Each structure stands twice: as structure tokens, then as C-alpha cells.
């Protein structure tokens, strides 16, 4: 959770510049151009995501980061046939908005920007999944030692909420994240999810 402010400003700048890679890092002189009005970000309890169900009806998911209904899925931004999954998964840790100002904004003036603070899950590269192998994707949290274990996400990219089933046979682990509020429980995180 170090550099929260810097990573937030990089995320907002990437969105303003319509960058495909919203995890891109910018020099501080570029991120300092972003002014967060009043120096405040506002927290929200829930995020509602509208989607079209399989029978072509409109439906809505409610994502609450204080409950276990906080996992989301989005389209993977990977090209090529060697990509491990068509989707990316994340656990929503925080739901926020801020009013920001940047010289690139048109019309000039503050703009509301909504964003999610997420803990990323990654596909297990050693696990064969998909239609051909008749298995679900096996996911696990990105280790905290990786600089991209946590990140920001544009809520507009969320397809819908998802239910991830813990791999009970693989037990829990404390190796991925030191005990914190962002762990699944005091005993640690589940090693894998399906």
C-alpha cells in the first residue's frame, strides 16, 4: 500500500491520456499536474454494475468491499493465443471517487473520477484450464512482494461481480500477504480459487 497517492495519480493520468496500459508509471512532474480538489477522495460502501444476462435481460450486481461479495471480473487485455484466460479477476478493496483538475481536461474545470482499489488475482500458469481441458481457471492472489499486487481500476471496465470458489484442498497460506485487513481471514488467504 505504499505510494497510494502516486499510483492513483498515474492511474488518473493514464485514463486522461486514453492510454491502453493504465498501470503505466509517469514521472512525478507529470503526476503533480493532477490536482485532487480539496485533497480528498471519497469512499463508497457499494458499487452497482449493470450487465446483460444470458437471456438478454438487464440485471445488476452489487459489489460491497466489506463482504465476501467483492470479487469482479473484466476482459483480459492480452493479445494472442498464448494468453492464459479471457478474463482478469480482482477483489475490490475500496470504492472511491474524487474531483480532479488537469490542464488537459476539456471543458476546463473539475471532473469527477471514479476508481476502485483492487487486489489482483492471477491465473495459475501451470494449470491447464478451458474448454479443451474441461476445467475451470485456477486463480491465486498476486503475492504482495510483486509491485502490482494492488492497483487501481476504472469501474467502467468491470463486466460483473463473480463468485470464486476457494480451493479447499490446497488450504490457506500466509505467504501471499502479511496479516492485514486485505487478507481473506486471520488464518491467511486461500492459496487457489476456481
C-alpha atoms as a PDB file:
ATOM      1  CA  UNK A   1       0.000   0.000   0.000  1.00  0.00           C
ATOM      2  CA  UNK A   2       2.990   2.252  -0.348  1.00  0.00           C
ATOM      3  CA  UNK A   3       2.798   5.110  -2.821  1.00  0.00           C
ATOM      4  CA  UNK A   4      -1.035   5.107  -2.881  1.00  0.00           C
ATOM      5  CA  UNK A   5      -1.188   8.775  -3.912  1.00  0.00           C
ATOM      6  CA  UNK A   6       1.436   8.409  -6.652  1.00  0.00           C
ATOM      7  CA  UNK A   7      -0.209   5.271  -8.099  1.00  0.00           C
ATOM      8  CA  UNK A   8      -3.612   6.976  -8.033  1.00  0.00           C
ATOM      9  CA  UNK A   9      -2.275   9.975  -9.935  1.00  0.00           C
ATOM     10  CA  UNK A  10      -0.603   7.681 -12.503  1.00  0.00           C
ATOM     11  CA  UNK A  11      -3.887   5.817 -12.967  1.00  0.00           C
ATOM     12  CA  UNK A  12      -5.872   9.034 -13.432  1.00  0.00           C
ATOM     13  CA  UNK A  13      -3.296  10.449 -15.856  1.00  0.00           C
ATOM     14  CA  UNK A  14      -3.324   7.247 -17.933  1.00  0.00           C
ATOM     15  CA  UNK A  15      -7.116   7.478 -18.158  1.00  0.00           C
ATOM     16  CA  UNK A  16      -6.970  11.146 -19.171  1.00  0.00           C
ATOM     17  CA  UNK A  17      -4.422  10.327 -21.881  1.00  0.00           C
ATOM     18  CA  UNK A  18      -6.512   7.331 -23.069  1.00  0.00           C
ATOM     19  CA  UNK A  19      -3.566   5.015 -22.503  1.00  0.00           C
ATOM     20  CA  UNK A  20      -4.239   1.329 -23.011  1.00  0.00           C
ATOM     21  CA  UNK A  21      -1.904   0.467 -20.126  1.00  0.00           C
ATOM     22  CA  UNK A  22      -3.404   2.136 -17.052  1.00  0.00           C
ATOM     23  CA  UNK A  23      -0.637   0.702 -14.853  1.00  0.00           C
ATOM     24  CA  UNK A  24       1.957   2.860 -16.608  1.00  0.00           C
ATOM     25  CA  UNK A  25       4.256   4.856 -14.312  1.00  0.00           C
ATOM     26  CA  UNK A  26       4.867   8.528 -15.046  1.00  0.00           C
ATOM     27  CA  UNK A  27       7.490  10.935 -13.719  1.00  0.00           C
ATOM     28  CA  UNK A  28       6.356  12.871 -10.683  1.00  0.00           C
ATOM     29  CA  UNK A  29       6.397  16.194 -12.528  1.00  0.00           C
ATOM     30  CA  UNK A  30       3.657  14.777 -14.805  1.00  0.00           C
ATOM     31  CA  UNK A  31       1.548  13.380 -11.981  1.00  0.00           C
ATOM     32  CA  UNK A  32       1.880  16.595  -9.972  1.00  0.00           C
ATOM     33  CA  UNK A  33      -0.174  18.336 -12.684  1.00  0.00           C
ATOM     34  CA  UNK A  34      -3.223  16.450 -11.405  1.00  0.00           C
ATOM     35  CA  UNK A  35      -4.930  18.406  -8.658  1.00  0.00           C
ATOM     36  CA  UNK A  36      -7.259  16.482  -6.376  1.00  0.00           C
ATOM     37  CA  UNK A  37      -9.790  19.086  -5.275  1.00  0.00           C
ATOM     38  CA  UNK A  38      -9.602  19.699  -1.544  1.00  0.00           C
ATOM     39  CA  UNK A  39      -7.000  16.932  -1.273  1.00  0.00           C
ATOM     40  CA  UNK A  40      -9.848  14.483  -0.580  1.00  0.00           C
ATOM     41  CA  UNK A  41     -11.066  11.232  -2.035  1.00  0.00           C
ATOM     42  CA  UNK A  42     -14.488   9.943  -1.073  1.00  0.00           C
ATOM     43  CA  UNK A  43     -15.190   6.352  -0.092  1.00  0.00           C
ATOM     44  CA  UNK A  44     -18.355   4.447  -1.006  1.00  0.00           C
ATOM     45  CA  UNK A  45     -19.851   1.298   0.503  1.00  0.00           C
ATOM     46  CA  UNK A  46     -21.201  -0.258  -2.691  1.00  0.00           C
ATOM     47  CA  UNK A  47     -20.768  -0.313  -6.447  1.00  0.00           C
ATOM     48  CA  UNK A  48     -23.618  -1.317  -8.721  1.00  0.00           C
ATOM     49  CA  UNK A  49     -22.720  -2.826 -12.087  1.00  0.00           C
ATOM     50  CA  UNK A  50     -25.331  -3.135 -14.827  1.00  0.00           C
ATOM     51  CA  UNK A  51     -24.979  -6.019 -17.262  1.00  0.00           C
ATOM     52  CA  UNK A  52     -26.990  -8.034 -19.776  1.00  0.00           C
ATOM     53  CA  UNK A  53     -27.815 -11.555 -18.619  1.00  0.00           C
ATOM     54  CA  UNK A  54     -27.655 -14.655 -20.814  1.00  0.00           C
ATOM     55  CA  UNK A  55     -31.365 -14.402 -21.623  1.00  0.00           C
ATOM     56  CA  UNK A  56     -30.853 -10.802 -22.844  1.00  0.00           C
ATOM     57  CA  UNK A  57     -32.408  -9.188 -19.789  1.00  0.00           C
ATOM     58  CA  UNK A  58     -30.897  -6.336 -17.885  1.00  0.00           C
ATOM     59  CA  UNK A  59     -29.541  -7.166 -14.466  1.00  0.00           C
ATOM     60  CA  UNK A  60     -27.434  -5.542 -11.780  1.00  0.00           C
ATOM     61  CA  UNK A  61     -24.688  -6.768  -9.461  1.00  0.00           C
ATOM     62  CA  UNK A  62     -23.975  -5.079  -6.153  1.00  0.00           C
ATOM     63  CA  UNK A  63     -20.330  -5.156  -5.093  1.00  0.00           C
ATOM     64  CA  UNK A  64     -19.636  -4.469  -1.433  1.00  0.00           C
ATOM     65  CA  UNK A  65     -15.996  -4.455  -0.345  1.00  0.00           C
ATOM     66  CA  UNK A  66     -16.995  -5.091   3.289  1.00  0.00           C
ATOM     67  CA  UNK A  67     -18.465  -8.530   2.436  1.00  0.00           C
ATOM     68  CA  UNK A  68     -17.361 -11.591   0.504  1.00  0.00           C
ATOM     69  CA  UNK A  69     -19.323 -10.286  -2.489  1.00  0.00           C
ATOM     70  CA  UNK A  70     -16.392  -8.184  -3.631  1.00  0.00           C
ATOM     71  CA  UNK A  71     -14.835 -10.150  -6.491  1.00  0.00           C
ATOM     72  CA  UNK A  72     -15.121  -8.774 -10.014  1.00  0.00           C
ATOM     73  CA  UNK A  73     -14.154  -9.883 -13.489  1.00  0.00           C
ATOM     74  CA  UNK A  74     -13.130  -7.889 -16.537  1.00  0.00           C
ATOM     75  CA  UNK A  75     -11.945  -8.674 -20.044  1.00  0.00           C
ATOM     76  CA  UNK A  76      -8.265  -9.541 -20.211  1.00  0.00           C
ATOM     77  CA  UNK A  77      -6.184  -7.036 -22.097  1.00  0.00           C
ATOM     78  CA  UNK A  78      -3.896  -9.680 -23.562  1.00  0.00           C
ATOM     79  CA  UNK A  79      -3.455 -10.306 -27.258  1.00  0.00           C
ATOM     80  CA  UNK A  80      -2.519 -13.591 -28.871  1.00  0.00           C
ATOM     81  CA  UNK A  81      -3.472 -17.213 -28.454  1.00  0.00           C
ATOM     82  CA  UNK A  82      -0.996 -17.863 -25.642  1.00  0.00           C
ATOM     83  CA  UNK A  83      -2.943 -15.768 -23.132  1.00  0.00           C
ATOM     84  CA  UNK A  84      -3.988 -17.911 -20.197  1.00  0.00           C
ATOM     85  CA  UNK A  85      -7.503 -16.565 -19.731  1.00  0.00           C
ATOM     86  CA  UNK A  86     -10.072 -14.364 -21.424  1.00  0.00           C
ATOM     87  CA  UNK A  87     -10.761 -12.614 -18.123  1.00  0.00           C
ATOM     88  CA  UNK A  88      -8.932 -10.886 -15.319  1.00  0.00           C
ATOM     89  CA  UNK A  89     -10.153 -11.138 -11.743  1.00  0.00           C
ATOM     90  CA  UNK A  90      -9.777  -8.853  -8.754  1.00  0.00           C
ATOM     91  CA  UNK A  91     -11.049  -8.396  -5.236  1.00  0.00           C
ATOM     92  CA  UNK A  92     -12.370  -4.885  -4.617  1.00  0.00           C
ATOM     93  CA  UNK A  93     -10.733  -3.417  -1.516  1.00  0.00           C
ATOM     94  CA  UNK A  94     -12.092   0.125  -1.864  1.00  0.00           C
ATOM     95  CA  UNK A  95     -14.634   2.077  -3.919  1.00  0.00           C
ATOM     96  CA  UNK A  96     -13.803   5.764  -4.351  1.00  0.00           C
ATOM     97  CA  UNK A  97     -14.359   8.957  -6.274  1.00  0.00           C
ATOM     98  CA  UNK A  98     -12.503  12.251  -6.385  1.00  0.00           C
ATOM     99  CA  UNK A  99     -12.940  15.586  -8.094  1.00  0.00           C
ATOM    100  CA  UNK A 100      -9.819  16.322 -10.091  1.00  0.00           C
ATOM    101  CA  UNK A 101      -8.436  19.073 -12.244  1.00  0.00           C
ATOM    102  CA  UNK A 102      -5.846  18.738 -15.010  1.00  0.00           C
ATOM    103  CA  UNK A 103      -4.844  21.164 -17.805  1.00  0.00           C
ATOM    104  CA  UNK A 104      -5.803  18.533 -20.431  1.00  0.00           C
ATOM    105  CA  UNK A 105      -9.444  18.482 -19.347  1.00  0.00           C
ATOM    106  CA  UNK A 106     -11.971  19.970 -21.742  1.00  0.00           C
ATOM    107  CA  UNK A 107     -14.125  21.735 -20.855  1.00  0.00           C
ATOM    108  CA  UNK A 108     -11.909  23.333 -18.241  1.00  0.00           C
ATOM    109  CA  UNK A 109     -12.910  22.722 -14.670  1.00  0.00           C
ATOM    110  CA  UNK A 110     -13.001  19.911 -12.124  1.00  0.00           C
ATOM    111  CA  UNK A 111     -14.219  16.486 -13.160  1.00  0.00           C
ATOM    112  CA  UNK A 112     -15.479  13.579 -11.067  1.00  0.00           C
ATOM    113  CA  UNK A 113     -13.349  10.445 -11.471  1.00  0.00           C
ATOM    114  CA  UNK A 114     -14.456   7.104 -10.040  1.00  0.00           C
ATOM    115  CA  UNK A 115     -11.969   4.336  -9.309  1.00  0.00           C
ATOM    116  CA  UNK A 116     -11.600   1.042  -7.484  1.00  0.00           C
ATOM    117  CA  UNK A 117      -8.660  -0.044  -5.338  1.00  0.00           C
ATOM    118  CA  UNK A 118      -8.255  -3.765  -6.040  1.00  0.00           C
ATOM    119  CA  UNK A 119      -6.155  -6.751  -5.091  1.00  0.00           C
ATOM    120  CA  UNK A 120      -5.369  -8.690  -8.260  1.00  0.00           C
ATOM    121  CA  UNK A 121      -5.773 -12.412  -8.791  1.00  0.00           C
ATOM    122  CA  UNK A 122      -3.717 -14.152 -11.457  1.00  0.00           C
ATOM    123  CA  UNK A 123      -4.240 -17.367 -13.388  1.00  0.00           C
ATOM    124  CA  UNK A 124      -2.011 -20.291 -12.400  1.00  0.00           C
ATOM    125  CA  UNK A 125       0.236 -20.784 -15.476  1.00  0.00           C
ATOM    126  CA  UNK A 126       0.922 -24.443 -14.588  1.00  0.00           C
ATOM    127  CA  UNK A 127      -2.773 -25.339 -14.529  1.00  0.00           C
ATOM    128  CA  UNK A 128      -4.457 -26.489 -17.743  1.00  0.00           C
ATOM    129  CA  UNK A 129      -7.898 -24.921 -17.972  1.00  0.00           C
ATOM    130  CA  UNK A 130     -10.509 -24.009 -20.504  1.00  0.00           C
ATOM    131  CA  UNK A 131     -12.928 -25.789 -22.777  1.00  0.00           C
ATOM    132  CA  UNK A 132     -10.366 -28.235 -24.190  1.00  0.00           C
ATOM    133  CA  UNK A 133      -9.245 -29.468 -20.763  1.00  0.00           C
ATOM    134  CA  UNK A 134     -12.753 -29.193 -19.247  1.00  0.00           C
ATOM    135  CA  UNK A 135     -11.519 -27.365 -16.161  1.00  0.00           C
ATOM    136  CA  UNK A 136     -12.203 -24.024 -14.569  1.00  0.00           C
ATOM    137  CA  UNK A 137      -9.448 -21.437 -14.369  1.00  0.00           C
ATOM    138  CA  UNK A 138      -7.354 -21.767 -11.216  1.00  0.00           C
ATOM    139  CA  UNK A 139      -6.603 -18.371  -9.713  1.00  0.00           C
ATOM    140  CA  UNK A 140      -4.489 -17.125  -6.861  1.00  0.00           C
ATOM    141  CA  UNK A 141      -3.722 -13.749  -5.374  1.00  0.00           C
ATOM    142  CA  UNK A 142      -0.680 -11.999  -6.780  1.00  0.00           C
ATOM    143  CA  UNK A 143       1.964 -12.066  -3.997  1.00  0.00           C
ATOM    144  CA  UNK A 144       2.373  -8.802  -2.083  1.00  0.00           C
ATOM    145  CA  UNK A 145       6.083  -8.849  -2.965  1.00  0.00           C
ATOM    146  CA  UNK A 146       5.054  -8.117  -6.568  1.00  0.00           C
ATOM    147  CA  UNK A 147       4.693  -4.374  -7.087  1.00  0.00           C
ATOM    148  CA  UNK A 148       1.402  -4.877  -8.941  1.00  0.00           C
ATOM    149  CA  UNK A 149      -0.419  -6.967  -6.310  1.00  0.00           C
ATOM    150  CA  UNK A 150      -2.695  -3.981  -5.654  1.00  0.00           C
ATOM    151  CA  UNK A 151      -3.815  -1.423  -8.190  1.00  0.00           C
ATOM    152  CA  UNK A 152      -6.480   0.933  -9.429  1.00  0.00           C
ATOM    153  CA  UNK A 153      -9.272   0.025 -11.813  1.00  0.00           C
ATOM    154  CA  UNK A 154     -11.801   2.026 -13.781  1.00  0.00           C
ATOM    155  CA  UNK A 155     -15.271   0.787 -12.659  1.00  0.00           C
ATOM    156  CA  UNK A 156     -16.459   1.033 -16.274  1.00  0.00           C
ATOM    157  CA  UNK A 157     -14.189  -1.927 -17.133  1.00  0.00           C
ATOM    158  CA  UNK A 158     -15.916  -4.274 -14.670  1.00  0.00           C
ATOM    159  CA  UNK A 159     -18.088  -6.797 -16.507  1.00  0.00           C
ATOM    160  CA  UNK A 160     -19.814  -8.085 -13.408  1.00  0.00           C
ATOM    161  CA  UNK A 161     -19.326  -9.499  -9.950  1.00  0.00           C
ATOM    162  CA  UNK A 162     -18.169 -13.103  -9.728  1.00  0.00           C
ATOM    163  CA  UNK A 163     -18.179 -15.829  -7.129  1.00  0.00           C
ATOM    164  CA  UNK A 164     -14.814 -17.505  -6.699  1.00  0.00           C
ATOM    165  CA  UNK A 165     -14.756 -20.902  -5.014  1.00  0.00           C
ATOM    166  CA  UNK A 166     -11.809 -21.457  -2.649  1.00  0.00           C
ATOM    167  CA  UNK A 167      -9.644 -24.495  -3.411  1.00  0.00           C
ATOM    168  CA  UNK A 168     -10.227 -26.081  -0.003  1.00  0.00           C
ATOM    169  CA  UNK A 169      -7.822 -28.966  -0.744  1.00  0.00           C
ATOM    170  CA  UNK A 170      -4.922 -26.508  -1.049  1.00  0.00           C
ATOM    171  CA  UNK A 171      -5.544 -24.849   2.331  1.00  0.00           C
ATOM    172  CA  UNK A 172      -4.676 -21.301   3.357  1.00  0.00           C
ATOM    173  CA  UNK A 173      -1.350 -19.534   3.189  1.00  0.00           C
ATOM    174  CA  UNK A 174       0.291 -16.524   4.830  1.00  0.00           C
ATOM    175  CA  UNK A 175       2.961 -16.319   2.095  1.00  0.00           C
ATOM    176  CA  UNK A 176       0.996 -14.044  -0.249  1.00  0.00           C
ATOM    177  CA  UNK A 177       0.249 -11.184   2.139  1.00  0.00           C
ATOM    178  CA  UNK A 178       1.262 -10.452   5.705  1.00  0.00           C
ATOM    179  CA  UNK A 179      -1.697 -10.356   8.121  1.00  0.00           C
ATOM    180  CA  UNK A 180      -3.787  -7.312   7.252  1.00  0.00           C
ATOM    181  CA  UNK A 181      -7.327  -6.123   6.627  1.00  0.00           C
ATOM    182  CA  UNK A 182      -6.935  -7.157   2.988  1.00  0.00           C
ATOM    183  CA  UNK A 183      -6.395 -10.867   3.753  1.00  0.00           C
ATOM    184  CA  UNK A 184      -9.292 -13.289   3.476  1.00  0.00           C
ATOM    185  CA  UNK A 185      -9.094 -14.055   7.203  1.00  0.00           C
ATOM    186  CA  UNK A 186      -6.725 -14.129  10.170  1.00  0.00           C
ATOM    187  CA  UNK A 187      -5.518 -17.580   9.007  1.00  0.00           C
ATOM    188  CA  UNK A 188      -4.401 -16.133   5.665  1.00  0.00           C
ATOM    189  CA  UNK A 189      -5.604 -16.289   2.087  1.00  0.00           C
ATOM    190  CA  UNK A 190      -6.793 -19.333   0.233  1.00  0.00           C
ATOM    191  CA  UNK A 191      -3.939 -20.493  -1.965  1.00  0.00           C
ATOM    192  CA  UNK A 192      -6.191 -21.048  -5.002  1.00  0.00           C
ATOM    193  CA  UNK A 193      -9.676 -20.225  -6.230  1.00  0.00           C
ATOM    194  CA  UNK A 194     -11.741 -21.699  -9.063  1.00  0.00           C
END
